[in-house]
């Protein structure tokens, strides 16, 4: 099918038409699903996670419709973005879902059944979400093929696949930074987070110096956390308070960062920007504090800092053809033991309460993963 418009002749395939207008129900044979009550965490409304979250039994739909697949979730990450979505009653970025809903933006799972019209996925494929709000805190997930990214099975440990978004984020934050060369300095806050851990390891491989900034209560023991982060490659570790630039001067660390990575926002971003070299770049990729990042006018006028935002989901959507090569590079580093994230796993069906308490701890040094060994019961 061809169409003419201001952009000239455009060719529309059958898939393009289906994506835009869908497929009439009844024009295909839906795939029946087993009668299973799966485990799912449900959010009943906006509020404190301890008060509005609970594990419930969830019946699977009777059938897979056009373009849908059934995914057996193996590991689902518990991220600050998930807890923020719960606290706000379903808001994340510019998107919103109505309560009640199943939280969870990230996970890794295995395809166990494919519906009609599915072409790019098959049973036993490993997949991760391409978009937020799929509701991954459940044992079985029905999702659209177009909303999932296929991974090569056994390319790397499944637990590390569960934190793939963090790994990709860290990789692109450094890869996309202009003009970095060995010996240059990178500063980052939330350095004990999964992304922070990855950045430190990658920066060490690239022979970059790093200033790792962590909250005062990181892990409950700052010195212990600092030693651990230095073992990952951090050059200097500082508590996120006061004048960080002055602290570096006291340590006679005179390499001014050319790149600063902000995952916290608020005054933490101000402290990062003060450290930057003239013309340095600050990249905002998160806001754990819930407060917008701020900078003094001096930073803009006299330091000439540059600020931009980064979202890995958007990057993947815009660079789909580059993703397989990127995943292959990451898998090589992970399997060689050069890139990893600390994690603690809890069984979704029976240990969710413990997992939630751990995830809510301030300054934890590990990613909380919900493991699924029990998919539910047949009825």
Protein backbone atom coordinates (compact mmCIF):
# COMPACT_ATOMS: atom_id res chain seq x y z
CA UNK A 1 0.00 0.00 0.00
CA UNK A 2 1.33 3.44 -0.96
CA UNK A 3 0.34 6.86 0.29
CA UNK A 4 1.26 10.37 -0.81
CA UNK A 5 1.67 13.35 1.43
CA UNK A 6 4.03 16.18 2.24
CA UNK A 7 6.79 13.63 2.84
CA UNK A 8 6.42 12.09 -0.62
CA UNK A 9 5.54 8.49 -1.37
CA UNK A 10 5.30 6.23 1.68
CA UNK A 11 4.98 2.46 1.61
CA UNK A 12 2.76 0.83 4.25
CA UNK A 13 3.11 -2.87 4.99
CA UNK A 14 0.44 -5.11 6.47
CA UNK A 15 2.28 -4.90 9.81
CA UNK A 16 2.13 -1.09 9.71
CA UNK A 17 -1.63 -1.21 9.20
CA UNK A 18 -2.04 -3.74 12.03
CA UNK A 19 0.07 -1.63 14.40
CA UNK A 20 -2.05 1.43 13.67
CA UNK A 21 -5.54 -0.04 13.45
CA UNK A 22 -5.27 -3.47 15.11
CA UNK A 23 -6.87 -6.74 14.02
CA UNK A 24 -10.57 -7.46 14.18
CA UNK A 25 -11.30 -9.97 16.92
CA UNK A 26 -12.81 -13.09 15.41
CA UNK A 27 -10.71 -12.86 12.25
CA UNK A 28 -8.06 -15.11 13.84
CA UNK A 29 -7.92 -18.08 16.19
CA UNK A 30 -6.99 -17.01 19.71
CA UNK A 31 -4.68 -19.30 21.69
CA UNK A 32 -6.26 -20.74 24.87
CA UNK A 33 -4.36 -20.42 28.13
CA UNK A 34 -4.32 -22.84 31.08
CA UNK A 35 -6.57 -22.08 34.03
CA UNK A 36 -3.95 -20.81 36.48
CA UNK A 37 -4.17 -18.42 39.40
CA UNK A 38 -0.81 -16.69 39.25
CA UNK A 39 0.91 -14.70 42.00
CA UNK A 40 0.82 -10.92 41.61
CA UNK A 41 1.60 -7.90 43.78
CA UNK A 42 -1.26 -5.42 43.62
CA UNK A 43 -1.24 -1.72 44.47
CA UNK A 44 -4.60 -0.60 45.89
CA UNK A 45 -3.95 3.14 45.74
CA UNK A 46 -1.48 5.97 46.26
CA UNK A 47 0.36 5.83 49.56
CA UNK A 48 3.14 4.21 51.52
CA UNK A 49 4.22 0.96 49.88
CA UNK A 50 3.86 -1.02 53.13
CA UNK A 51 0.21 0.01 53.35
CA UNK A 52 -0.98 -0.30 49.75
CA UNK A 53 0.88 -3.37 48.42
CA UNK A 54 -0.01 -7.03 48.84
CA UNK A 55 0.39 -10.38 47.07
CA UNK A 56 -2.82 -11.73 45.55
CA UNK A 57 -3.95 -14.56 43.30
CA UNK A 58 -4.57 -13.44 39.72
CA UNK A 59 -6.45 -15.44 37.11
CA UNK A 60 -4.88 -15.56 33.67
CA UNK A 61 -7.03 -14.38 30.77
CA UNK A 62 -8.73 -17.20 28.89
CA UNK A 63 -6.83 -16.60 25.65
CA UNK A 64 -3.89 -14.89 24.00
CA UNK A 65 -5.10 -12.34 21.47
CA UNK A 66 -3.32 -11.11 18.35
CA UNK A 67 0.33 -10.24 18.97
CA UNK A 68 0.35 -11.37 22.60
CA UNK A 69 2.68 -13.78 24.41
CA UNK A 70 2.67 -15.42 27.83
CA UNK A 71 5.84 -14.76 29.81
CA UNK A 72 7.01 -16.70 32.84
CA UNK A 73 8.74 -14.05 34.95
CA UNK A 74 11.96 -15.37 36.51
CA UNK A 75 13.33 -12.25 38.21
CA UNK A 76 11.72 -8.82 38.67
CA UNK A 77 13.72 -5.88 39.98
CA UNK A 78 12.44 -3.57 42.73
CA UNK A 79 13.59 -0.10 41.71
CA UNK A 80 13.16 3.43 43.08
CA UNK A 81 10.97 4.13 40.03
CA UNK A 82 8.64 1.31 41.09
CA UNK A 83 8.30 2.65 44.62
CA UNK A 84 7.69 6.15 43.27
CA UNK A 85 4.98 4.79 40.97
CA UNK A 86 3.32 3.12 43.96
CA UNK A 87 3.57 6.24 46.14
CA UNK A 88 1.93 8.37 43.44
CA UNK A 89 -0.79 5.84 42.68
CA UNK A 90 0.36 4.98 39.19
CA UNK A 91 2.41 7.88 37.82
CA UNK A 92 5.84 7.50 36.23
CA UNK A 93 7.26 10.23 34.04
CA UNK A 94 4.49 11.46 31.75
CA UNK A 95 2.50 8.22 31.91
CA UNK A 96 -0.16 7.09 34.35
CA UNK A 97 -2.17 3.94 35.09
CA UNK A 98 -5.29 3.70 37.20
CA UNK A 99 -5.44 1.85 40.51
CA UNK A 100 -5.55 -0.95 41.30
CA UNK A 101 -2.54 -2.06 39.26
CA UNK A 102 0.39 -4.48 39.38
CA UNK A 103 3.67 -2.54 39.83
CA UNK A 104 6.99 -3.37 38.24
CA UNK A 105 8.71 -1.85 35.23
CA UNK A 106 11.64 -4.27 34.85
CA UNK A 107 12.16 -8.03 34.81
CA UNK A 108 13.52 -10.94 32.82
CA UNK A 109 11.31 -13.82 31.77
CA UNK A 110 10.89 -16.74 29.39
CA UNK A 111 8.26 -17.06 26.68
CA UNK A 112 6.03 -20.07 27.45
CA UNK A 113 3.28 -19.52 24.84
CA UNK A 114 2.82 -17.34 21.77
CA UNK A 115 -0.43 -15.97 20.39
CA UNK A 116 -1.62 -15.44 16.82
CA UNK A 117 0.36 -12.98 14.72
CA UNK A 118 3.56 -13.29 16.77
CA UNK A 119 6.55 -13.50 14.41
CA UNK A 120 9.67 -12.41 16.26
CA UNK A 121 9.35 -14.44 19.47
CA UNK A 122 9.01 -18.14 20.19
CA UNK A 123 8.76 -20.41 23.19
CA UNK A 124 11.86 -20.49 25.47
CA UNK A 125 13.08 -17.07 24.29
CA UNK A 126 14.37 -14.80 27.06
CA UNK A 127 12.79 -11.33 27.11
CA UNK A 128 12.92 -8.05 29.03
CA UNK A 129 10.38 -5.18 28.90
CA UNK A 130 10.84 -2.42 26.35
CA UNK A 131 8.32 -0.09 27.99
CA UNK A 132 7.26 0.78 31.54
CA UNK A 133 3.99 -0.23 33.23
CA UNK A 134 3.94 -3.85 32.08
CA UNK A 135 3.39 -4.88 35.71
CA UNK A 136 6.30 -7.26 36.17
CA UNK A 137 5.78 -8.01 39.88
CA UNK A 138 3.85 -11.16 39.01
CA UNK A 139 4.63 -14.77 38.17
CA UNK A 140 2.95 -14.85 34.74
CA UNK A 141 2.64 -11.89 32.39
CA UNK A 142 0.59 -11.46 29.22
CA UNK A 143 2.27 -8.82 27.06
CA UNK A 144 2.42 -7.62 23.48
CA UNK A 145 5.32 -8.85 21.37
CA UNK A 146 6.20 -5.27 20.42
CA UNK A 147 6.62 -4.37 24.12
CA UNK A 148 9.38 -6.92 24.71
CA UNK A 149 13.05 -7.19 23.77
CA UNK A 150 14.42 -10.63 22.95
CA UNK A 151 17.69 -11.73 24.55
CA UNK A 152 19.88 -14.60 23.46
CA UNK A 153 19.20 -17.43 25.95
CA UNK A 154 22.11 -18.08 28.32
CA UNK A 155 23.97 -15.04 26.98
CA UNK A 156 24.67 -14.10 30.62
CA UNK A 157 23.32 -15.05 34.05
CA UNK A 158 19.58 -14.41 34.31
CA UNK A 159 20.00 -12.39 37.52
CA UNK A 160 22.17 -9.91 35.62
CA UNK A 161 19.58 -9.78 32.83
CA UNK A 162 17.10 -8.58 35.48
CA UNK A 163 19.23 -5.44 35.94
CA UNK A 164 19.88 -5.00 32.23
CA UNK A 165 18.28 -1.55 32.17
CA UNK A 166 20.82 -0.37 34.74
CA UNK A 167 23.69 -1.97 32.81
CA UNK A 168 22.62 -0.39 29.53
CA UNK A 169 22.19 2.97 31.25
CA UNK A 170 25.71 2.91 32.69
CA UNK A 171 27.20 1.84 29.36
CA UNK A 172 25.47 4.59 27.37
CA UNK A 173 26.17 7.30 29.96
CA UNK A 174 29.89 6.82 29.39
CA UNK A 175 29.77 5.86 25.72
CA UNK A 176 27.75 8.94 24.75
CA UNK A 177 29.90 11.40 26.72
CA UNK A 178 31.85 13.59 24.28
CA UNK A 179 35.64 13.61 24.33
CA UNK A 180 36.38 11.42 27.37
CA UNK A 181 39.87 9.93 27.32
CA UNK A 182 42.03 7.92 29.77
CA UNK A 183 42.92 10.01 32.79
CA UNK A 184 39.80 12.20 32.61
CA UNK A 185 37.51 12.37 35.63
CA UNK A 186 33.83 11.46 36.02
CA UNK A 187 31.73 12.32 39.09
CA UNK A 188 28.52 10.55 40.05
CA UNK A 189 26.07 10.53 42.94
CA UNK A 190 24.18 7.45 44.16
CA UNK A 191 27.43 5.65 43.39
CA UNK A 192 26.36 2.61 45.43
CA UNK A 193 23.26 2.08 43.26
CA UNK A 194 23.22 -0.57 40.54
CA UNK A 195 23.93 2.02 37.83
CA UNK A 196 26.62 3.57 39.99
CA UNK A 197 28.35 0.23 40.51
CA UNK A 198 28.30 -0.39 36.76
CA UNK A 199 29.65 3.08 35.95
CA UNK A 200 32.58 2.62 38.34
CA UNK A 201 33.51 -0.73 36.80
CA UNK A 202 33.22 0.53 33.23
CA UNK A 203 35.14 3.71 34.02
CA UNK A 204 37.94 1.64 35.51
CA UNK A 205 38.13 -0.43 32.31
CA UNK A 206 38.33 2.82 30.34
CA UNK A 207 41.03 4.14 32.70
CA UNK A 208 38.90 7.04 33.82
CA UNK A 209 39.19 8.49 37.31
CA UNK A 210 35.96 8.66 39.29
CA UNK A 211 34.59 10.65 42.20
CA UNK A 212 31.92 8.48 43.81
CA UNK A 213 29.36 10.37 45.94
CA UNK A 214 27.08 8.46 48.31
CA UNK A 215 24.57 9.42 50.99
CA UNK A 216 25.79 9.61 54.58
CA UNK A 217 23.89 6.48 55.55
CA UNK A 218 25.01 4.40 52.56
CA UNK A 219 25.02 0.88 53.91
CA UNK A 220 25.15 2.20 57.49
CA UNK A 221 28.97 2.23 57.46
CA UNK A 222 30.50 4.88 55.21
CA UNK A 223 34.08 3.63 55.50
CA UNK A 224 33.06 0.09 54.60
CA UNK A 225 31.02 1.34 51.66
CA UNK A 226 33.90 3.55 50.51
CA UNK A 227 36.34 0.61 50.55
CA UNK A 228 33.87 -1.49 48.56
CA UNK A 229 33.34 1.22 45.94
CA UNK A 230 37.10 1.68 45.61
CA UNK A 231 37.38 -2.05 44.95
CA UNK A 232 35.01 -1.47 42.02
CA UNK A 233 37.24 1.27 40.66
CA UNK A 234 36.33 4.52 42.46
CA UNK A 235 39.27 6.92 42.81
CA UNK A 236 37.69 8.97 45.60
CA UNK A 237 34.52 8.38 47.66
CA UNK A 238 32.78 11.33 49.33
CA UNK A 239 29.64 11.66 51.47
CA UNK A 240 26.89 13.64 49.73
CA UNK A 241 26.99 16.77 51.89
CA UNK A 242 28.71 20.12 52.20
CA UNK A 243 31.11 21.47 49.57
CA UNK A 244 32.40 18.54 47.51
CA UNK A 245 34.71 20.77 45.51
CA UNK A 246 36.42 21.88 48.73
CA UNK A 247 36.68 18.27 49.89
CA UNK A 248 38.51 17.32 46.70
CA UNK A 249 40.91 20.23 47.22
CA UNK A 250 41.65 18.98 50.76
CA UNK A 251 42.47 15.57 49.32
CA UNK A 252 44.71 17.25 46.69
CA UNK A 253 42.58 15.62 44.00
CA UNK A 254 42.86 18.28 41.32
CA UNK A 255 41.36 16.43 38.35
CA UNK A 256 38.17 18.37 37.73
CA UNK A 257 35.36 16.17 36.40
CA UNK A 258 34.45 16.65 32.76
CA UNK A 259 31.29 14.61 33.24
CA UNK A 260 28.88 14.41 36.17
CA UNK A 261 26.05 11.85 36.39
CA UNK A 262 23.03 12.80 38.50
CA UNK A 263 20.52 10.21 39.74
CA UNK A 264 19.41 12.08 42.87
CA UNK A 265 18.38 15.65 42.02
CA UNK A 266 17.87 18.43 44.57
CA UNK A 267 20.94 19.80 46.34
CA UNK A 268 22.95 16.72 45.36
CA UNK A 269 22.87 17.87 41.74
CA UNK A 270 24.04 21.32 42.84
CA UNK A 271 27.05 19.80 44.59
CA UNK A 272 27.90 17.79 41.47
CA UNK A 273 27.69 20.82 39.18
CA UNK A 274 30.00 22.82 41.47
CA UNK A 275 32.71 20.18 40.94
CA UNK A 276 32.56 20.25 37.16
CA UNK A 277 35.38 21.57 35.04
CA UNK A 278 34.66 24.60 32.87
CA UNK A 279 32.38 23.53 30.03
CA UNK A 280 31.73 20.18 31.69
CA UNK A 281 28.55 18.22 31.11
CA UNK A 282 26.00 17.11 33.69
CA UNK A 283 23.64 14.29 32.69
CA UNK A 284 20.42 13.78 34.63
CA UNK A 285 19.17 10.19 34.42
CA UNK A 286 17.14 9.85 37.63
CA UNK A 287 15.67 11.70 40.61
CA UNK A 288 15.80 9.50 43.71
CA UNK A 289 15.19 12.44 46.03
CA UNK A 290 11.96 13.37 44.25
CA UNK A 291 13.26 16.95 44.05
CA UNK A 292 14.12 18.66 40.78
CA UNK A 293 17.85 19.18 40.15
CA UNK A 294 19.04 22.73 40.65
CA UNK A 295 22.13 24.72 39.68
CA UNK A 296 23.33 28.20 40.55
CA UNK A 297 23.44 30.82 37.83
CA UNK A 298 27.21 30.91 38.35
CA UNK A 299 27.37 27.34 37.03
CA UNK A 300 25.61 28.38 33.84
CA UNK A 301 27.39 31.68 33.25
CA UNK A 302 30.92 31.30 34.61
CA UNK A 303 31.46 27.52 34.38
CA UNK A 304 29.53 27.18 31.15
CA UNK A 305 28.19 23.80 32.18
CA UNK A 306 26.01 21.83 29.80
CA UNK A 307 23.02 19.85 31.08
CA UNK A 308 21.04 17.15 29.34
CA UNK A 309 18.70 14.34 30.30
CA UNK A 310 18.97 10.65 29.46
CA UNK A 311 16.41 7.84 29.40
CA UNK A 312 17.56 4.38 28.36
CA UNK A 313 14.11 3.25 27.20
CA UNK A 314 13.95 6.13 24.75
CA UNK A 315 17.47 5.37 23.56
CA UNK A 316 16.60 1.72 22.91
CA UNK A 317 13.42 2.66 21.02
CA UNK A 318 15.40 5.07 18.83
CA UNK A 319 18.34 2.72 18.23
CA UNK A 320 16.76 -0.73 17.97
CA UNK A 321 19.22 -1.90 15.30
CA UNK A 322 22.20 -1.10 17.54
CA UNK A 323 20.88 -3.01 20.55
CA UNK A 324 22.02 -6.58 19.59
CA UNK A 325 25.65 -5.52 19.22
CA UNK A 326 25.46 -3.58 22.49
CA UNK A 327 24.00 -6.60 24.30
CA UNK A 328 26.75 -8.80 22.94
CA UNK A 329 29.43 -6.40 24.23
CA UNK A 330 27.80 -6.26 27.66
CA UNK A 331 27.44 -10.06 27.85
CA UNK A 332 31.17 -10.47 27.18
CA UNK A 333 32.02 -8.14 30.06
CA UNK A 334 29.55 -9.82 32.43
CA UNK A 335 30.71 -13.34 31.60
CA UNK A 336 34.35 -12.29 32.00
CA UNK A 337 33.56 -11.10 35.53
CA UNK A 338 34.38 -7.49 34.66
CA UNK A 339 30.87 -6.11 35.06
CA UNK A 340 28.35 -7.09 37.72
CA UNK A 341 25.79 -5.66 40.13
CA UNK A 342 25.26 -6.76 43.72
CA UNK A 343 21.78 -8.19 44.29
CA UNK A 344 19.68 -9.94 46.93
CA UNK A 345 16.81 -12.19 45.86
CA UNK A 346 13.51 -12.94 47.59
CA UNK A 347 10.74 -15.32 46.55
CA UNK A 348 7.85 -13.25 45.20
CA UNK A 349 5.01 -15.41 46.55
CA UNK A 350 6.31 -15.94 50.09
CA UNK A 351 8.96 -13.29 50.84
CA UNK A 352 7.59 -10.13 49.27
CA UNK A 353 7.22 -8.40 52.65
CA UNK A 354 10.90 -8.94 53.43
CA UNK A 355 11.86 -7.81 49.94
CA UNK A 356 9.87 -4.61 50.33
CA UNK A 357 11.44 -3.79 53.69
CA UNK A 358 14.89 -4.29 52.18
CA UNK A 359 14.04 -2.17 49.15
CA UNK A 360 12.86 0.67 51.40
CA UNK A 361 16.12 0.74 53.38
CA UNK A 362 18.09 3.94 52.87
CA UNK A 363 21.60 3.54 51.59
CA UNK A 364 21.39 -0.15 50.72
CA UNK A 365 24.22 -1.42 48.52
CA UNK A 366 22.34 -4.14 46.69
CA UNK A 367 19.56 -4.49 44.13
CA UNK A 368 16.47 -6.27 45.42
CA UNK A 369 15.17 -8.96 43.04
CA UNK A 370 11.87 -10.82 43.24
CA UNK A 371 12.52 -14.42 42.24
CA UNK A 372 9.69 -16.56 40.85
CA UNK A 373 9.94 -20.29 41.52
CA UNK A 374 6.20 -20.89 41.95
CA UNK A 375 3.98 -19.58 39.12
CA UNK A 376 0.70 -20.31 40.91
CA UNK A 377 -1.97 -23.01 41.12
CA UNK A 378 -4.27 -24.58 38.56
CA UNK A 379 -8.01 -24.45 39.15
